[in-house]
C-alpha cells in the first residue's frame, strides 16, 4: 500500500507578524516551484492586527480532496496565545518550531520534536522585526522535507515587495543557517 503524500503545516501567531504571508509563501513554493498540489486556509480574529491568527498549508503529490488541516505534522508558533491555542492540534511526534524570543515551550511540548528559533531577536538585529516570519521560513525549509529550500527561496523572491527583497532574502538565509545549525546539533547528540 502506497504511503499517503499529504503533508500539513500550520503557522500561528498574531496579526501583523506575517503569519498569513508565511503560509502563502509555502503554498506557492510547493505548487509553483516544487510542482505539487497545495491549499492555503487562514483564520484570524475580528480585530485582524494583534489578534491570534493562523494559516494552514496542505501539500500533496496528488489532488487534494480536503483543503483544511486535519493533523498538522508541523506547527510554527510565533506568540504565546497561539502556543496555548494550537499546540493541542500538533500530531504526536510532530515538529514544533517556536519563536524563542517570544514563546518558551513547557512540558506539554516534550512529545514533539521542538526547535527554538530566536526569530524576532534575529529580525531585530537586521533592523526589521517584520522579517521574523521569513527567518522561520528559512528554518522550516531545512528541518521539514515537504518543500525544498530552493522553492521557498524562489517563492520569497516572487512574493515580497521588490523594495524589501534584499532584507527578506537575508532573513531567509539566516533562517537556513539556523536550521543547519539545529540539525547539526541533533546529529552531534
N, C-alpha and C. Protein backbone atom coordinates (compact mmCIF):
# COMPACT_ATOMS: atom_id res chain seq x y z
N UNK A 1 0.84 -1.19 0.00
CA UNK A 1 0.00 0.00 0.00
C UNK A 1 0.89 1.25 0.00
N UNK A 2 0.58 2.19 -0.88
CA UNK A 2 1.37 3.40 -1.02
C UNK A 2 1.09 4.37 0.14
N UNK A 3 2.16 4.93 0.68
CA UNK A 3 2.03 5.91 1.77
C UNK A 3 1.43 7.20 1.21
N UNK A 4 0.47 7.72 1.90
CA UNK A 4 -0.17 8.98 1.51
C UNK A 4 0.87 10.10 1.56
N UNK A 5 0.85 10.94 0.55
CA UNK A 5 1.84 12.01 0.45
C UNK A 5 1.37 13.33 1.08
N UNK A 6 0.19 13.34 1.68
CA UNK A 6 -0.35 14.57 2.27
C UNK A 6 0.55 15.06 3.40
N UNK A 7 0.92 16.33 3.34
CA UNK A 7 1.76 16.95 4.35
C UNK A 7 1.06 18.22 4.81
N UNK A 8 1.17 18.55 6.09
CA UNK A 8 0.46 19.71 6.63
C UNK A 8 1.35 20.53 7.55
N UNK A 9 1.27 21.85 7.39
CA UNK A 9 1.99 22.77 8.26
C UNK A 9 1.06 23.91 8.66
N UNK A 10 1.16 24.34 9.91
CA UNK A 10 0.39 25.48 10.41
C UNK A 10 1.37 26.55 10.89
N UNK A 11 1.08 27.79 10.55
CA UNK A 11 1.78 28.95 11.10
C UNK A 11 0.80 29.63 12.03
N UNK A 12 1.22 29.96 13.24
CA UNK A 12 0.30 30.57 14.20
C UNK A 12 1.01 31.67 14.97
N UNK A 13 0.29 32.76 15.16
CA UNK A 13 0.83 33.90 15.88
C UNK A 13 -0.25 34.94 16.03
N UNK A 14 0.12 36.21 15.88
CA UNK A 14 -0.89 37.26 15.92
C UNK A 14 -0.80 38.10 14.66
N UNK A 15 -1.92 38.75 14.34
CA UNK A 15 -1.99 39.57 13.15
C UNK A 15 -0.91 40.63 13.14
N UNK A 16 -0.26 40.79 11.99
CA UNK A 16 0.82 41.76 11.86
C UNK A 16 2.20 41.11 11.86
N UNK A 17 2.25 39.79 12.14
CA UNK A 17 3.53 39.08 12.14
C UNK A 17 3.84 38.42 10.79
N UNK A 18 2.94 38.51 9.85
CA UNK A 18 3.18 37.87 8.56
C UNK A 18 2.85 36.38 8.56
N UNK A 19 1.93 35.98 9.42
CA UNK A 19 1.53 34.57 9.54
C UNK A 19 0.85 34.10 8.25
N UNK A 20 -0.07 34.89 7.74
CA UNK A 20 -0.78 34.53 6.51
C UNK A 20 0.20 34.54 5.34
N UNK A 21 1.06 35.54 5.29
CA UNK A 21 2.07 35.61 4.22
C UNK A 21 2.98 34.39 4.24
N UNK A 22 3.38 33.94 5.41
CA UNK A 22 4.24 32.75 5.51
C UNK A 22 3.55 31.54 4.90
N UNK A 23 2.28 31.37 5.22
CA UNK A 23 1.52 30.26 4.63
C UNK A 23 1.43 30.38 3.12
N UNK A 24 1.19 31.59 2.65
CA UNK A 24 1.10 31.84 1.20
C UNK A 24 2.42 31.48 0.52
N UNK A 25 3.54 31.89 1.12
CA UNK A 25 4.85 31.61 0.54
C UNK A 25 5.10 30.10 0.46
N UNK A 26 4.75 29.36 1.51
CA UNK A 26 4.93 27.90 1.49
C UNK A 26 4.04 27.26 0.43
N UNK A 27 2.78 27.69 0.38
CA UNK A 27 1.87 27.14 -0.63
C UNK A 27 2.35 27.40 -2.04
N UNK A 28 2.80 28.61 -2.30
CA UNK A 28 3.33 28.96 -3.62
C UNK A 28 4.59 28.16 -3.92
N UNK A 29 5.46 28.03 -2.94
CA UNK A 29 6.70 27.26 -3.14
C UNK A 29 6.38 25.83 -3.57
N UNK A 30 5.43 25.21 -2.87
CA UNK A 30 5.07 23.83 -3.19
C UNK A 30 4.42 23.72 -4.57
N UNK A 31 3.44 24.60 -4.84
CA UNK A 31 2.66 24.48 -6.07
C UNK A 31 3.41 24.96 -7.31
N UNK A 32 4.06 26.10 -7.21
CA UNK A 32 4.69 26.70 -8.39
C UNK A 32 6.10 26.17 -8.63
N UNK A 33 6.87 26.05 -7.56
CA UNK A 33 8.29 25.73 -7.73
C UNK A 33 8.65 24.26 -7.48
N UNK A 34 7.85 23.54 -6.69
CA UNK A 34 8.10 22.11 -6.47
C UNK A 34 7.08 21.24 -7.22
N UNK A 35 6.18 21.87 -7.98
CA UNK A 35 5.20 21.16 -8.81
C UNK A 35 4.34 20.16 -8.03
N UNK A 36 3.87 20.58 -6.88
CA UNK A 36 2.97 19.77 -6.07
C UNK A 36 1.61 20.46 -6.01
N UNK A 37 0.66 19.79 -5.44
CA UNK A 37 -0.64 20.40 -5.16
C UNK A 37 -0.54 21.06 -3.79
N UNK A 38 -1.23 22.19 -3.61
CA UNK A 38 -1.19 22.87 -2.31
C UNK A 38 -2.47 23.67 -2.10
N UNK A 39 -2.89 23.74 -0.84
CA UNK A 39 -4.01 24.61 -0.46
C UNK A 39 -3.56 25.47 0.72
N UNK A 40 -4.19 26.63 0.83
CA UNK A 40 -3.93 27.54 1.94
C UNK A 40 -5.26 27.91 2.57
N UNK A 41 -5.35 27.75 3.88
CA UNK A 41 -6.51 28.24 4.62
C UNK A 41 -5.98 29.17 5.70
N UNK A 42 -6.84 30.05 6.16
CA UNK A 42 -6.41 31.03 7.15
C UNK A 42 -7.58 31.45 8.02
N UNK A 43 -7.26 31.89 9.21
CA UNK A 43 -8.28 32.41 10.12
C UNK A 43 -7.63 33.41 11.06
N UNK A 44 -8.38 34.45 11.37
CA UNK A 44 -7.90 35.45 12.33
C UNK A 44 -9.10 36.10 12.99
N UNK A 45 -8.85 36.69 14.15
CA UNK A 45 -9.91 37.34 14.91
C UNK A 45 -10.44 38.57 14.21
N UNK A 46 -11.57 39.10 14.67
CA UNK A 46 -12.18 40.26 14.01
C UNK A 46 -11.31 41.51 14.04
N UNK A 47 -10.37 41.56 15.00
CA UNK A 47 -9.51 42.74 15.09
C UNK A 47 -8.41 42.70 14.04
N UNK A 48 -8.13 41.51 13.46
CA UNK A 48 -7.05 41.26 12.49
C UNK A 48 -5.69 41.55 13.11
N UNK A 49 -5.20 42.78 13.04
CA UNK A 49 -3.87 43.09 13.58
C UNK A 49 -3.90 42.95 15.11
N UNK A 50 -3.01 42.12 15.61
CA UNK A 50 -2.89 41.94 17.06
C UNK A 50 -3.66 40.76 17.62
N UNK A 51 -4.60 40.20 16.88
CA UNK A 51 -5.35 39.06 17.39
C UNK A 51 -4.72 37.76 16.90
N UNK A 52 -5.01 36.67 17.59
CA UNK A 52 -4.46 35.37 17.21
C UNK A 52 -4.93 34.99 15.82
N UNK A 53 -4.00 34.49 15.03
CA UNK A 53 -4.35 34.06 13.68
C UNK A 53 -3.51 32.84 13.30
N UNK A 54 -3.95 32.17 12.24
CA UNK A 54 -3.15 31.07 11.73
C UNK A 54 -3.35 30.95 10.23
N UNK A 55 -2.39 30.29 9.61
CA UNK A 55 -2.56 29.86 8.23
C UNK A 55 -2.16 28.39 8.18
N UNK A 56 -2.87 27.65 7.37
CA UNK A 56 -2.60 26.22 7.23
C UNK A 56 -2.35 25.87 5.79
N UNK A 57 -1.31 25.10 5.54
CA UNK A 57 -0.98 24.69 4.18
C UNK A 57 -1.00 23.17 4.11
N UNK A 58 -1.71 22.66 3.13
CA UNK A 58 -1.73 21.23 2.84
C UNK A 58 -0.99 21.05 1.52
N UNK A 59 -0.06 20.11 1.49
CA UNK A 59 0.74 19.82 0.31
C UNK A 59 0.60 18.34 -0.01
N UNK A 60 0.45 18.03 -1.29
CA UNK A 60 0.33 16.63 -1.69
C UNK A 60 0.86 16.48 -3.11
N UNK A 61 1.26 15.26 -3.46
CA UNK A 61 1.68 14.97 -4.83
C UNK A 61 0.47 14.81 -5.74
N UNK A 62 -0.67 14.51 -5.15
CA UNK A 62 -1.91 14.29 -5.90
C UNK A 62 -2.93 15.37 -5.53
N UNK A 63 -4.04 15.37 -6.25
CA UNK A 63 -5.10 16.34 -5.98
C UNK A 63 -5.53 16.25 -4.52
N UNK A 64 -5.75 17.40 -3.91
CA UNK A 64 -6.13 17.48 -2.50
C UNK A 64 -7.65 17.48 -2.42
N UNK A 65 -8.19 16.46 -1.76
CA UNK A 65 -9.65 16.34 -1.68
C UNK A 65 -10.26 17.12 -0.53
N UNK A 66 -9.46 17.46 0.47
CA UNK A 66 -9.95 18.24 1.61
C UNK A 66 -8.90 19.29 1.93
N UNK A 67 -9.23 20.59 1.77
CA UNK A 67 -8.21 21.64 1.83
C UNK A 67 -7.79 22.08 3.23
N UNK A 68 -8.49 21.63 4.25
CA UNK A 68 -8.21 22.10 5.61
C UNK A 68 -7.25 21.17 6.34
N UNK A 69 -6.58 21.71 7.35
CA UNK A 69 -5.67 20.90 8.16
C UNK A 69 -6.45 19.84 8.92
N UNK A 70 -5.95 18.62 8.87
CA UNK A 70 -6.54 17.52 9.63
C UNK A 70 -5.68 17.17 10.84
N UNK A 71 -4.38 17.07 10.60
CA UNK A 71 -3.46 16.60 11.62
C UNK A 71 -2.07 17.15 11.31
N UNK A 72 -1.83 18.44 11.60
CA UNK A 72 -0.56 19.05 11.20
C UNK A 72 0.66 18.31 11.74
N UNK A 73 1.64 18.11 10.87
CA UNK A 73 2.89 17.49 11.30
C UNK A 73 3.89 18.55 11.76
N UNK A 74 3.64 19.81 11.39
CA UNK A 74 4.50 20.92 11.80
C UNK A 74 3.62 22.09 12.22
N UNK A 75 3.97 22.70 13.34
CA UNK A 75 3.36 23.98 13.72
C UNK A 75 4.50 24.95 14.03
N UNK A 76 4.44 26.10 13.38
CA UNK A 76 5.38 27.19 13.61
C UNK A 76 4.64 28.21 14.46
N UNK A 77 5.10 28.42 15.70
CA UNK A 77 4.39 29.26 16.66
C UNK A 77 5.18 30.53 16.95
N UNK A 78 4.49 31.68 16.81
CA UNK A 78 5.16 32.97 16.99
C UNK A 78 4.52 33.85 18.05
N UNK A 79 3.62 33.29 18.87
CA UNK A 79 3.07 34.04 20.01
C UNK A 79 2.64 33.08 21.11
N UNK A 80 2.59 33.59 22.34
CA UNK A 80 2.18 32.77 23.48
C UNK A 80 0.74 32.30 23.33
N UNK A 81 -0.15 33.20 22.91
CA UNK A 81 -1.55 32.82 22.74
C UNK A 81 -1.70 31.72 21.70
N UNK A 82 -0.95 31.82 20.62
CA UNK A 82 -1.02 30.79 19.57
C UNK A 82 -0.50 29.45 20.09
N UNK A 83 0.53 29.49 20.92
CA UNK A 83 1.06 28.27 21.53
C UNK A 83 -0.03 27.58 22.34
N UNK A 84 -0.70 28.35 23.18
CA UNK A 84 -1.77 27.79 24.02
C UNK A 84 -2.92 27.24 23.17
N UNK A 85 -3.29 27.99 22.16
CA UNK A 85 -4.47 27.64 21.37
C UNK A 85 -4.23 26.48 20.41
N UNK A 86 -3.06 26.42 19.78
CA UNK A 86 -2.86 25.48 18.68
C UNK A 86 -1.97 24.28 19.00
N UNK A 87 -1.23 24.31 20.10
CA UNK A 87 -0.37 23.17 20.43
C UNK A 87 -1.13 21.84 20.45
N UNK A 88 -2.36 21.79 20.99
CA UNK A 88 -3.08 20.51 21.00
C UNK A 88 -3.37 19.94 19.61
N UNK A 89 -3.26 20.74 18.57
CA UNK A 89 -3.55 20.26 17.21
C UNK A 89 -2.37 19.53 16.58
N UNK A 90 -1.17 19.72 17.12
CA UNK A 90 0.02 19.11 16.53
C UNK A 90 0.03 17.61 16.81
N UNK A 91 0.28 16.83 15.75
CA UNK A 91 0.31 15.38 15.94
C UNK A 91 1.49 14.97 16.82
N UNK A 92 1.28 13.93 17.60
CA UNK A 92 2.35 13.44 18.47
C UNK A 92 3.56 13.07 17.63
N UNK A 93 4.74 13.49 18.09
CA UNK A 93 5.96 13.24 17.33
C UNK A 93 6.21 14.27 16.24
N UNK A 94 5.30 15.24 16.11
CA UNK A 94 5.43 16.27 15.08
C UNK A 94 6.53 17.27 15.41
N UNK A 95 6.70 18.21 14.50
CA UNK A 95 7.73 19.23 14.64
C UNK A 95 7.10 20.52 15.16
N UNK A 96 7.60 21.00 16.28
CA UNK A 96 7.14 22.26 16.87
C UNK A 96 8.30 23.25 16.76
N UNK A 97 8.07 24.32 16.00
CA UNK A 97 9.08 25.37 15.83
C UNK A 97 8.53 26.61 16.52
N UNK A 98 9.22 27.08 17.55
CA UNK A 98 8.74 28.25 18.28
C UNK A 98 9.72 29.41 18.13
N UNK A 99 9.16 30.61 18.09
CA UNK A 99 9.98 31.82 18.14
C UNK A 99 10.38 31.99 19.60
N UNK A 100 11.60 31.56 19.93
CA UNK A 100 12.03 31.56 21.33
C UNK A 100 12.25 32.96 21.89
N UNK A 101 12.18 33.97 21.05
CA UNK A 101 12.22 35.35 21.53
C UNK A 101 10.92 35.69 22.26
N UNK A 102 9.86 34.93 21.96
CA UNK A 102 8.52 35.23 22.47
C UNK A 102 7.91 34.07 23.25
N UNK A 103 8.16 32.84 22.81
CA UNK A 103 7.49 31.65 23.34
C UNK A 103 8.51 30.72 24.00
N UNK A 104 8.19 30.28 25.21
CA UNK A 104 9.01 29.29 25.91
C UNK A 104 8.18 28.00 26.02
N UNK A 105 8.60 26.93 25.34
CA UNK A 105 7.84 25.67 25.42
C UNK A 105 7.83 25.13 26.86
N UNK A 106 6.74 24.49 27.23
CA UNK A 106 6.64 23.89 28.56
C UNK A 106 6.64 22.36 28.41
N UNK A 107 6.31 21.65 29.48
CA UNK A 107 6.36 20.19 29.47
C UNK A 107 5.42 19.55 28.44
N UNK A 108 4.38 20.25 28.05
CA UNK A 108 3.47 19.70 27.04
C UNK A 108 4.17 19.48 25.71
N UNK A 109 5.26 20.19 25.49
CA UNK A 109 5.99 20.09 24.22
C UNK A 109 6.92 18.88 24.17
N UNK A 110 7.06 18.16 25.27
CA UNK A 110 8.01 17.05 25.32
C UNK A 110 7.71 15.92 24.34
N UNK A 111 6.47 15.80 23.89
CA UNK A 111 6.14 14.71 22.96
C UNK A 111 6.34 15.11 21.50
N UNK A 112 6.96 16.27 21.28
CA UNK A 112 7.22 16.76 19.92
C UNK A 112 8.71 16.95 19.70
N UNK A 113 9.09 17.08 18.44
CA UNK A 113 10.45 17.47 18.08
C UNK A 113 10.48 19.00 18.10
N UNK A 114 11.05 19.57 19.14
CA UNK A 114 10.98 21.02 19.36
C UNK A 114 12.25 21.71 18.86
N UNK A 115 12.03 22.79 18.12
CA UNK A 115 13.11 23.66 17.69
C UNK A 115 12.81 25.06 18.21
N UNK A 116 13.75 25.65 18.92
CA UNK A 116 13.59 27.01 19.41
C UNK A 116 14.44 27.93 18.54
N UNK A 117 13.77 28.86 17.88
CA UNK A 117 14.43 29.77 16.93
C UNK A 117 14.22 31.20 17.41
N UNK A 118 15.27 31.95 17.69
CA UNK A 118 15.12 33.33 18.14
C UNK A 118 14.81 34.27 16.97
N UNK A 119 13.73 34.00 16.27
CA UNK A 119 13.43 34.71 15.02
C UNK A 119 13.24 36.21 15.20
N UNK A 120 12.46 36.60 16.19
CA UNK A 120 12.23 38.04 16.39
C UNK A 120 13.52 38.75 16.78
N UNK A 121 14.30 38.13 17.64
CA UNK A 121 15.59 38.70 18.04
C UNK A 121 16.51 38.85 16.82
N UNK A 122 16.57 37.84 15.99
CA UNK A 122 17.41 37.89 14.78
C UNK A 122 16.90 38.97 13.82
N UNK A 123 15.58 39.07 13.69
CA UNK A 123 15.00 40.08 12.80
C UNK A 123 15.31 41.49 13.31
N UNK A 124 15.25 41.67 14.62
CA UNK A 124 15.57 42.98 15.20
C UNK A 124 17.02 43.36 14.93
N UNK A 125 17.92 42.38 14.95
CA UNK A 125 19.33 42.64 14.62
C UNK A 125 19.46 43.14 13.18
N UNK A 126 18.54 42.70 12.32
CA UNK A 126 18.54 43.15 10.92
C UNK A 126 17.84 44.49 10.76
N UNK A 127 17.23 44.96 11.85
CA UNK A 127 16.56 46.25 11.83
C UNK A 127 15.11 46.22 11.41
N UNK A 128 14.52 45.02 11.31
CA UNK A 128 13.13 44.92 10.86
C UNK A 128 12.46 43.69 11.46
N UNK A 129 11.80 43.90 12.56
CA UNK A 129 11.10 42.82 13.27
C UNK A 129 10.15 42.04 12.35
N UNK A 130 9.63 42.69 11.34
CA UNK A 130 8.62 42.10 10.46
C UNK A 130 9.16 40.90 9.66
N UNK A 131 10.48 40.74 9.53
CA UNK A 131 11.00 39.61 8.76
C UNK A 131 11.22 38.35 9.61
N UNK A 132 10.76 38.36 10.85
CA UNK A 132 10.87 37.16 11.68
C UNK A 132 10.19 35.97 11.01
N UNK A 133 9.06 36.22 10.34
CA UNK A 133 8.36 35.13 9.66
C UNK A 133 9.22 34.52 8.55
N UNK A 134 9.99 35.34 7.87
CA UNK A 134 10.83 34.85 6.77
C UNK A 134 12.02 34.07 7.33
N UNK A 135 12.53 34.47 8.48
CA UNK A 135 13.56 33.67 9.16
C UNK A 135 13.00 32.29 9.46
N UNK A 136 11.77 32.25 9.96
CA UNK A 136 11.13 30.96 10.24
C UNK A 136 10.96 30.12 8.97
N UNK A 137 10.68 30.76 7.84
CA UNK A 137 10.55 30.01 6.58
C UNK A 137 11.87 29.36 6.18
N UNK A 138 12.97 30.09 6.31
CA UNK A 138 14.27 29.52 6.00
C UNK A 138 14.58 28.33 6.90
N UNK A 139 14.26 28.49 8.18
CA UNK A 139 14.47 27.40 9.14
C UNK A 139 13.61 26.19 8.77
N UNK A 140 12.34 26.44 8.50
CA UNK A 140 11.42 25.37 8.13
C UNK A 140 11.95 24.58 6.94
N UNK A 141 12.47 25.28 5.95
CA UNK A 141 12.99 24.61 4.76
C UNK A 141 14.09 23.62 5.05
N UNK A 142 14.85 23.84 6.12
CA UNK A 142 15.93 22.92 6.49
C UNK A 142 15.45 21.73 7.31
N UNK A 143 14.43 21.91 8.13
CA UNK A 143 14.04 20.83 9.06
C UNK A 143 12.82 20.03 8.59
N UNK A 144 12.19 20.46 7.50
CA UNK A 144 10.98 19.78 7.01
C UNK A 144 11.15 19.55 5.52
N UNK A 145 10.98 18.33 5.08
CA UNK A 145 11.27 17.99 3.69
C UNK A 145 10.08 18.06 2.73
N UNK A 146 8.97 18.61 3.14
CA UNK A 146 7.80 18.66 2.25
C UNK A 146 7.94 19.68 1.14
N UNK A 147 8.78 20.67 1.36
CA UNK A 147 9.01 21.71 0.35
C UNK A 147 10.51 22.04 0.39
N UNK A 148 11.09 22.26 -0.78
CA UNK A 148 12.53 22.47 -0.84
C UNK A 148 12.94 23.89 -0.46
N UNK A 149 14.16 24.01 0.03
CA UNK A 149 14.72 25.33 0.36
C UNK A 149 14.73 26.20 -0.90
N UNK A 150 15.08 25.61 -2.04
CA UNK A 150 15.15 26.37 -3.29
C UNK A 150 13.78 26.92 -3.67
N UNK A 151 12.74 26.10 -3.53
CA UNK A 151 11.38 26.54 -3.85
C UNK A 151 10.94 27.65 -2.91
N UNK A 152 11.25 27.51 -1.64
CA UNK A 152 10.90 28.56 -0.67
C UNK A 152 11.61 29.87 -1.01
N UNK A 153 12.88 29.78 -1.34
CA UNK A 153 13.65 30.98 -1.70
C UNK A 153 13.01 31.68 -2.91
N UNK A 154 12.68 30.91 -3.94
CA UNK A 154 12.05 31.48 -5.14
C UNK A 154 10.69 32.09 -4.81
N UNK A 155 9.96 31.44 -3.92
CA UNK A 155 8.65 31.95 -3.52
C UNK A 155 8.78 33.26 -2.75
N UNK A 156 9.79 33.36 -1.89
CA UNK A 156 10.04 34.62 -1.19
C UNK A 156 10.33 35.71 -2.22
N UNK A 157 11.19 35.40 -3.19
CA UNK A 157 11.55 36.39 -4.23
C UNK A 157 10.33 36.88 -5.00
N UNK A 158 9.39 35.97 -5.28
CA UNK A 158 8.24 36.35 -6.10
C UNK A 158 7.07 36.90 -5.29
N UNK A 159 7.18 36.89 -3.97
CA UNK A 159 6.07 37.32 -3.12
C UNK A 159 6.31 38.66 -2.45
N UNK A 160 7.49 38.87 -1.91
CA UNK A 160 7.73 40.09 -1.12
C UNK A 160 7.88 41.30 -2.04
N UNK A 161 7.53 42.49 -1.54
CA UNK A 161 7.71 43.70 -2.35
C UNK A 161 9.17 43.88 -2.75
N UNK A 162 9.38 44.26 -3.98
CA UNK A 162 10.73 44.41 -4.55
C UNK A 162 11.64 45.27 -3.66
N UNK A 163 11.09 46.34 -3.09
CA UNK A 163 11.95 47.23 -2.30
C UNK A 163 12.45 46.59 -1.01
N UNK A 164 11.81 45.50 -0.58
CA UNK A 164 12.24 44.78 0.63
C UNK A 164 12.85 43.42 0.31
N UNK A 165 13.13 43.17 -0.95
CA UNK A 165 13.63 41.86 -1.36
C UNK A 165 14.96 41.51 -0.69
N UNK A 166 15.93 42.41 -0.71
CA UNK A 166 17.24 42.12 -0.13
C UNK A 166 17.12 41.77 1.35
N UNK A 167 16.37 42.56 2.09
CA UNK A 167 16.17 42.30 3.52
C UNK A 167 15.54 40.93 3.74
N UNK A 168 14.51 40.62 2.96
CA UNK A 168 13.82 39.33 3.11
C UNK A 168 14.72 38.16 2.74
N UNK A 169 15.53 38.31 1.71
CA UNK A 169 16.45 37.23 1.34
C UNK A 169 17.52 37.03 2.40
N UNK A 170 18.00 38.11 3.00
CA UNK A 170 18.96 37.97 4.10
C UNK A 170 18.31 37.25 5.29
N UNK A 171 17.06 37.60 5.57
CA UNK A 171 16.33 36.95 6.66
C UNK A 171 16.14 35.46 6.35
N UNK A 172 15.77 35.16 5.12
CA UNK A 172 15.57 33.77 4.73
C UNK A 172 16.87 32.97 4.91
N UNK A 173 17.97 33.52 4.42
CA UNK A 173 19.26 32.82 4.52
C UNK A 173 19.69 32.67 5.97
N UNK A 174 19.35 33.63 6.83
CA UNK A 174 19.66 33.50 8.26
C UNK A 174 18.87 32.33 8.84
N UNK A 175 17.62 32.20 8.44
CA UNK A 175 16.82 31.06 8.89
C UNK A 175 17.39 29.73 8.43
N UNK A 176 17.87 29.68 7.19
CA UNK A 176 18.51 28.46 6.67
C UNK A 176 19.73 28.12 7.52
N UNK A 177 20.56 29.12 7.82
CA UNK A 177 21.75 28.91 8.66
C UNK A 177 21.36 28.35 10.03
N UNK A 178 20.35 28.95 10.64
CA UNK A 178 19.90 28.49 11.96
C UNK A 178 19.38 27.06 11.88
N UNK A 179 18.68 26.73 10.79
CA UNK A 179 18.20 25.37 10.59
C UNK A 179 19.33 24.37 10.44
N UNK A 180 20.35 24.75 9.68
CA UNK A 180 21.53 23.88 9.51
C UNK A 180 22.20 23.63 10.86
N UNK A 181 22.34 24.68 11.66
CA UNK A 181 22.97 24.54 12.98
C UNK A 181 22.13 23.64 13.89
N UNK A 182 20.82 23.80 13.84
CA UNK A 182 19.94 22.98 14.68
C UNK A 182 20.03 21.51 14.28
N UNK A 183 20.07 21.23 12.99
CA UNK A 183 20.20 19.85 12.54
C UNK A 183 21.55 19.27 12.93
N UNK A 184 22.59 20.07 12.82
CA UNK A 184 23.94 19.62 13.20
C UNK A 184 23.99 19.27 14.68
N UNK A 185 23.34 20.08 15.51
CA UNK A 185 23.30 19.81 16.96
C UNK A 185 22.64 18.46 17.23
N UNK A 186 21.57 18.16 16.49
CA UNK A 186 20.85 16.90 16.69
C UNK A 186 21.72 15.71 16.29
N UNK A 187 22.54 15.88 15.27
CA UNK A 187 23.43 14.81 14.83
C UNK A 187 24.52 14.56 15.87
N UNK A 188 25.01 15.63 16.48
CA UNK A 188 26.09 15.53 17.46
C UNK A 188 25.64 14.91 18.78
N UNK A 189 24.36 14.97 19.08
CA UNK A 189 23.85 14.46 20.37
C UNK A 189 23.85 12.96 20.43
